[in-house]
Amino acid sequence: MSTDPVRAEHDAVLTSLSTRVSTMHFAHAAVSILIAVALAGTAAKLWWDDWSTNPEWAIGFFGLTGLALAYAALRLGLGARANGKERLLLTRLRALRKELGVDAPASVTQTVS
């Protein structure tokens, strides 16, 4: 039967798409941005209140803000790359489903009114 390799590829692509890695990367980036905003607010408050007496705390928090933003940018980049790969796999999955005839044609499906 000629559909066995196609079916095996379909199942493999479907399994690889079952966990979306890009979503995890984007979620990490979002949390990192929120943490960076909180750190920036803390650094600004320390700079405003204690710059003349204790500037190293403000500088330290500004540094942590930069690290959190760099981590967020890294995760956004990884997420964009993973999203591109997932979109290619999704396109391939649609082609495989069409080749296998898994999706019902529009003329066969019923509409409920």
C-alpha atoms as a PDB file:
ATOM      1  CA  MET A   1       0.000   0.000   0.000  1.00  0.00           C
ATOM      2  CA  SER A   2       1.488   3.360  -1.029  1.00  0.00           C
ATOM      3  CA  THR A   3      -0.073   5.367   1.796  1.00  0.00           C
ATOM      4  CA  ASP A   4       1.896   3.628   4.572  1.00  0.00           C
ATOM      5  CA  PRO A   5       5.000   5.890   4.314  1.00  0.00           C
ATOM      6  CA  VAL A   6       2.750   8.913   3.903  1.00  0.00           C
ATOM      7  CA  ARG A   7       0.731   7.894   6.966  1.00  0.00           C
ATOM      8  CA  ALA A   8       3.928   7.351   8.953  1.00  0.00           C
ATOM      9  CA  GLU A   9       5.176  10.811   7.969  1.00  0.00           C
ATOM     10  CA  HIS A  10       1.766  12.277   8.868  1.00  0.00           C
ATOM     11  CA  ASP A  11       1.919  10.704  12.323  1.00  0.00           C
ATOM     12  CA  ALA A  12       5.501  11.875  12.857  1.00  0.00           C
ATOM     13  CA  VAL A  13       4.688  15.462  11.865  1.00  0.00           C
ATOM     14  CA  LEU A  14       1.556  15.431  14.011  1.00  0.00           C
ATOM     15  CA  THR A  15       3.545  14.188  16.998  1.00  0.00           C
ATOM     16  CA  SER A  16       6.206  16.852  16.544  1.00  0.00           C
ATOM     17  CA  LEU A  17       3.511  19.546  16.390  1.00  0.00           C
ATOM     18  CA  SER A  18       1.752  18.301  19.533  1.00  0.00           C
ATOM     19  CA  THR A  19       4.066  20.380  21.729  1.00  0.00           C
ATOM     20  CA  ARG A  20       4.570  23.915  20.514  1.00  0.00           C
ATOM     21  CA  VAL A  21       8.075  24.947  21.516  1.00  0.00           C
ATOM     22  CA  SER A  22       7.581  28.495  20.232  1.00  0.00           C
ATOM     23  CA  THR A  23       4.793  29.089  22.745  1.00  0.00           C
ATOM     24  CA  MET A  24       7.137  28.217  25.602  1.00  0.00           C
ATOM     25  CA  HIS A  25       9.791  30.606  24.274  1.00  0.00           C
ATOM     26  CA  PHE A  26       7.272  33.438  23.867  1.00  0.00           C
ATOM     27  CA  ALA A  27       5.918  32.839  27.384  1.00  0.00           C
ATOM     28  CA  HIS A  28       9.439  32.996  28.838  1.00  0.00           C
ATOM     29  CA  ALA A  29      10.052  36.233  26.949  1.00  0.00           C
ATOM     30  CA  ALA A  30       6.829  37.773  28.266  1.00  0.00           C
ATOM     31  CA  VAL A  31       7.624  36.872  31.869  1.00  0.00           C
ATOM     32  CA  SER A  32      11.162  38.205  31.446  1.00  0.00           C
ATOM     33  CA  ILE A  33       9.819  41.511  30.147  1.00  0.00           C
ATOM     34  CA  LEU A  34       7.485  41.807  33.133  1.00  0.00           C
ATOM     35  CA  ILE A  35      10.376  41.107  35.505  1.00  0.00           C
ATOM     36  CA  ALA A  36      12.519  43.666  33.655  1.00  0.00           C
ATOM     37  CA  VAL A  37       9.807  46.303  34.089  1.00  0.00           C
ATOM     38  CA  ALA A  38       9.634  45.590  37.824  1.00  0.00           C
ATOM     39  CA  LEU A  39      13.425  45.739  38.107  1.00  0.00           C
ATOM     40  CA  ALA A  40      13.534  48.996  36.136  1.00  0.00           C
ATOM     41  CA  GLY A  41      10.941  50.514  38.450  1.00  0.00           C
ATOM     42  CA  THR A  42      12.946  49.445  41.479  1.00  0.00           C
ATOM     43  CA  ALA A  43      16.136  50.831  39.962  1.00  0.00           C
ATOM     44  CA  ALA A  44      14.444  54.138  39.149  1.00  0.00           C
ATOM     45  CA  LYS A  45      13.093  54.431  42.691  1.00  0.00           C
ATOM     46  CA  LEU A  46      16.535  53.712  44.147  1.00  0.00           C
ATOM     47  CA  TRP A  47      18.131  56.203  41.771  1.00  0.00           C
ATOM     48  CA  TRP A  48      15.617  58.888  42.696  1.00  0.00           C
ATOM     49  CA  ASP A  49      15.786  58.373  46.449  1.00  0.00           C
ATOM     50  CA  ASP A  50      19.308  57.183  47.250  1.00  0.00           C
ATOM     51  CA  TRP A  51      21.595  58.189  44.379  1.00  0.00           C
ATOM     52  CA  SER A  52      23.729  60.529  46.478  1.00  0.00           C
ATOM     53  CA  THR A  53      24.187  58.094  49.370  1.00  0.00           C
ATOM     54  CA  ASN A  54      24.008  54.605  47.858  1.00  0.00           C
ATOM     55  CA  PRO A  55      24.283  54.545  44.033  1.00  0.00           C
ATOM     56  CA  GLU A  56      25.555  50.959  43.721  1.00  0.00           C
ATOM     57  CA  TRP A  57      22.104  49.525  44.440  1.00  0.00           C
ATOM     58  CA  ALA A  58      20.518  51.486  41.599  1.00  0.00           C
ATOM     59  CA  ILE A  59      23.341  50.563  39.246  1.00  0.00           C
ATOM     60  CA  GLY A  60      22.971  46.912  40.216  1.00  0.00           C
ATOM     61  CA  PHE A  61      19.245  46.927  39.528  1.00  0.00           C
ATOM     62  CA  PHE A  62      19.775  48.676  36.187  1.00  0.00           C
ATOM     63  CA  GLY A  63      22.241  45.903  35.323  1.00  0.00           C
ATOM     64  CA  LEU A  64      19.703  43.236  36.280  1.00  0.00           C
ATOM     65  CA  THR A  65      17.137  45.016  34.113  1.00  0.00           C
ATOM     66  CA  GLY A  66      19.506  44.823  31.159  1.00  0.00           C
ATOM     67  CA  LEU A  67      20.108  41.119  31.753  1.00  0.00           C
ATOM     68  CA  ALA A  68      16.367  40.402  31.930  1.00  0.00           C
ATOM     69  CA  LEU A  69      15.779  42.322  28.691  1.00  0.00           C
ATOM     70  CA  ALA A  70      18.651  40.491  26.969  1.00  0.00           C
ATOM     71  CA  TYR A  71      17.177  37.155  28.070  1.00  0.00           C
ATOM     72  CA  ALA A  72      13.768  38.238  26.767  1.00  0.00           C
ATOM     73  CA  ALA A  73      15.287  39.207  23.401  1.00  0.00           C
ATOM     74  CA  LEU A  74      17.050  35.836  23.197  1.00  0.00           C
ATOM     75  CA  ARG A  75      13.824  33.975  23.935  1.00  0.00           C
ATOM     76  CA  LEU A  76      11.916  36.066  21.384  1.00  0.00           C
ATOM     77  CA  GLY A  77      14.492  35.155  18.765  1.00  0.00           C
ATOM     78  CA  LEU A  78      14.345  31.471  19.655  1.00  0.00           C
ATOM     79  CA  GLY A  79      10.554  31.621  19.609  1.00  0.00           C
ATOM     80  CA  ALA A  80      10.487  33.245  16.184  1.00  0.00           C
ATOM     81  CA  ARG A  81      12.836  30.591  14.791  1.00  0.00           C
ATOM     82  CA  ALA A  82      10.786  27.760  16.329  1.00  0.00           C
ATOM     83  CA  ASN A  83       7.579  29.365  15.055  1.00  0.00           C
ATOM     84  CA  GLY A  84       8.965  29.393  11.514  1.00  0.00           C
ATOM     85  CA  LYS A  85       9.813  25.701  11.727  1.00  0.00           C
ATOM     86  CA  GLU A  86       6.384  24.912  13.172  1.00  0.00           C
ATOM     87  CA  ARG A  87       4.664  26.799  10.369  1.00  0.00           C
ATOM     88  CA  LEU A  88       6.583  24.757   7.786  1.00  0.00           C
ATOM     89  CA  LEU A  89       5.588  21.556   9.576  1.00  0.00           C
ATOM     90  CA  LEU A  90       1.972  22.700   9.670  1.00  0.00           C
ATOM     91  CA  THR A  91       2.029  23.347   5.935  1.00  0.00           C
ATOM     92  CA  ARG A  92       3.478  19.881   5.388  1.00  0.00           C
ATOM     93  CA  LEU A  93       0.820  18.386   7.690  1.00  0.00           C
ATOM     94  CA  ARG A  94      -1.951  20.022   5.670  1.00  0.00           C
ATOM     95  CA  ALA A  95      -0.471  18.631   2.445  1.00  0.00           C
ATOM     96  CA  LEU A  96      -0.216  15.155   3.963  1.00  0.00           C
ATOM     97  CA  ARG A  97      -3.810  15.301   5.228  1.00  0.00           C
ATOM     98  CA  LYS A  98      -4.962  16.320   1.772  1.00  0.00           C
ATOM     99  CA  GLU A  99      -2.949  13.512   0.175  1.00  0.00           C
ATOM    100  CA  LEU A 100      -4.356  10.956   2.603  1.00  0.00           C
ATOM    101  CA  GLY A 101      -7.891  12.273   2.249  1.00  0.00           C
ATOM    102  CA  VAL A 102      -8.267  12.616   6.014  1.00  0.00           C
ATOM    103  CA  ASP A 103     -10.285  15.815   5.869  1.00  0.00           C
ATOM    104  CA  ALA A 104     -13.782  15.442   4.516  1.00  0.00           C
ATOM    105  CA  PRO A 105     -14.522  17.358   1.323  1.00  0.00           C
ATOM    106  CA  ALA A 106     -16.832  20.341   1.625  1.00  0.00           C
ATOM    107  CA  SER A 107     -19.590  18.666  -0.397  1.00  0.00           C
ATOM    108  CA  VAL A 108     -19.884  15.789   2.100  1.00  0.00           C
ATOM    109  CA  THR A 109     -19.989  17.810   5.316  1.00  0.00           C
ATOM    110  CA  GLN A 110     -23.340  18.817   6.687  1.00  0.00           C
ATOM    111  CA  THR A 111     -24.240  22.233   7.956  1.00  0.00           C
ATOM    112  CA  VAL A 112     -26.544  22.534  10.924  1.00  0.00           C
ATOM    113  CA  SER A 113     -29.052  25.327  10.595  1.00  0.00           C
END
